Every structure is written in structure tokens, then in C-alpha cells.
Protein backbone atom coordinates (compact mmCIF):
# COMPACT_ATOMS: atom_id res chain seq x y z
CA MET A 1 0.00 0.00 0.00
CA LYS A 2 1.29 3.44 -0.83
CA LYS A 3 0.38 6.57 1.14
CA TYR A 4 1.56 10.15 0.95
CA ALA A 5 2.83 12.19 3.89
CA THR A 6 3.47 15.91 3.96
CA GLY A 7 5.67 17.80 6.37
CA HIS A 8 8.54 20.22 6.76
CA CYS A 9 11.68 19.24 4.83
CA PRO A 10 14.78 20.75 6.46
CA THR A 11 16.80 20.30 3.25
CA LEU A 12 14.36 22.37 1.21
CA ASP A 13 13.24 24.47 4.21
CA ASP A 14 9.67 24.08 2.95
CA GLU A 15 6.65 21.79 3.04
CA TYR A 16 7.18 18.66 0.95
CA ARG A 17 5.35 15.42 0.15
CA ILE A 18 6.86 11.93 0.05
CA GLN A 19 5.40 8.54 -0.85
CA ILE A 20 5.53 5.93 1.92
CA THR A 21 5.22 2.20 1.30
CA TYR A 22 3.38 0.06 3.86
CA LEU A 23 3.57 -3.73 3.82
CA ASP A 24 0.60 -5.96 4.58
CA ALA A 25 1.08 -7.37 8.07
CA SER A 26 -2.33 -9.01 8.37
CA THR A 27 -2.79 -12.28 10.21
CA LEU A 28 -5.78 -14.55 10.63
CA HIS A 29 -6.87 -12.44 13.62
CA THR A 30 -5.87 -8.89 12.72
CA GLN A 31 -5.56 -6.73 9.67
CA GLY A 32 -2.93 -4.02 9.28
CA PHE A 33 0.07 -2.59 7.51
CA VAL A 34 3.59 -1.67 8.69
CA LYS A 35 5.81 1.13 7.39
CA ASP A 36 8.53 -0.17 5.05
CA GLY A 37 10.21 2.60 3.09
CA PHE A 38 9.71 5.85 1.23
CA ARG A 39 10.32 7.61 -2.07
CA CYS A 40 11.43 11.23 -2.17
CA GLU A 41 11.77 12.78 -5.62
CA HIS A 42 14.08 15.52 -4.33
CA SER A 43 16.45 13.01 -2.77
CA ILE A 44 16.47 10.81 -5.88
CA HIS A 45 17.51 13.67 -8.15
CA THR A 46 19.72 15.80 -5.92
CA GLY A 47 20.62 13.81 -2.81
CA CYS A 48 19.76 14.65 0.75
CA ARG A 49 21.96 15.62 3.67
CA PHE A 50 19.57 14.04 6.21
CA PRO A 51 20.03 10.26 6.50
CA ASP A 52 16.67 9.93 8.31
CA CYS A 53 13.85 11.84 6.64
CA PRO A 54 11.84 13.70 9.30
CA ILE A 55 8.67 13.41 7.21
CA TYR A 56 9.08 9.63 7.01
CA GLU A 57 9.96 9.41 10.70
CA SER A 58 6.81 11.32 11.69
CA ALA A 59 4.48 9.06 9.65
CA PRO A 60 2.61 6.36 11.58
CA ASP A 61 4.49 3.05 11.91
CA THR A 62 1.30 1.03 11.43
CA LEU A 63 -2.05 1.51 9.72
């Protein structure tokens, strides 16, 4: 599952949106998703000086 998260990017010093991937973590008794990774267009094209994206870090770990 892919979701978008928006927040302050310290590299750009502006609001920015990234795409977060959540993996299906459902069992026979519960249904849910866990955060797996993210895609940031800015980082892909220009690099990023922050190893841990604060927008990704602030997104919920589970859905």
C-alpha cells in the first residue's frame, strides 16, 4: 500500500510530500500494515543531507 505524507523538509526548508510504502502485516486475527520505506523525488535527483527523513519518521508506523 502506498500513502503520501506531507511535512517540513529541512533540506528544502519548505513543506514537501513523500510517498511511503506500507507492507501488509495481516494475520488470521488482525488486519494491518507496517511502514517499510519511502520515495522522495528531491532526494532521488539531488541527494539529501539528512540520513533519516523527518517526514518519514513522523508518519505512523502502522495503519
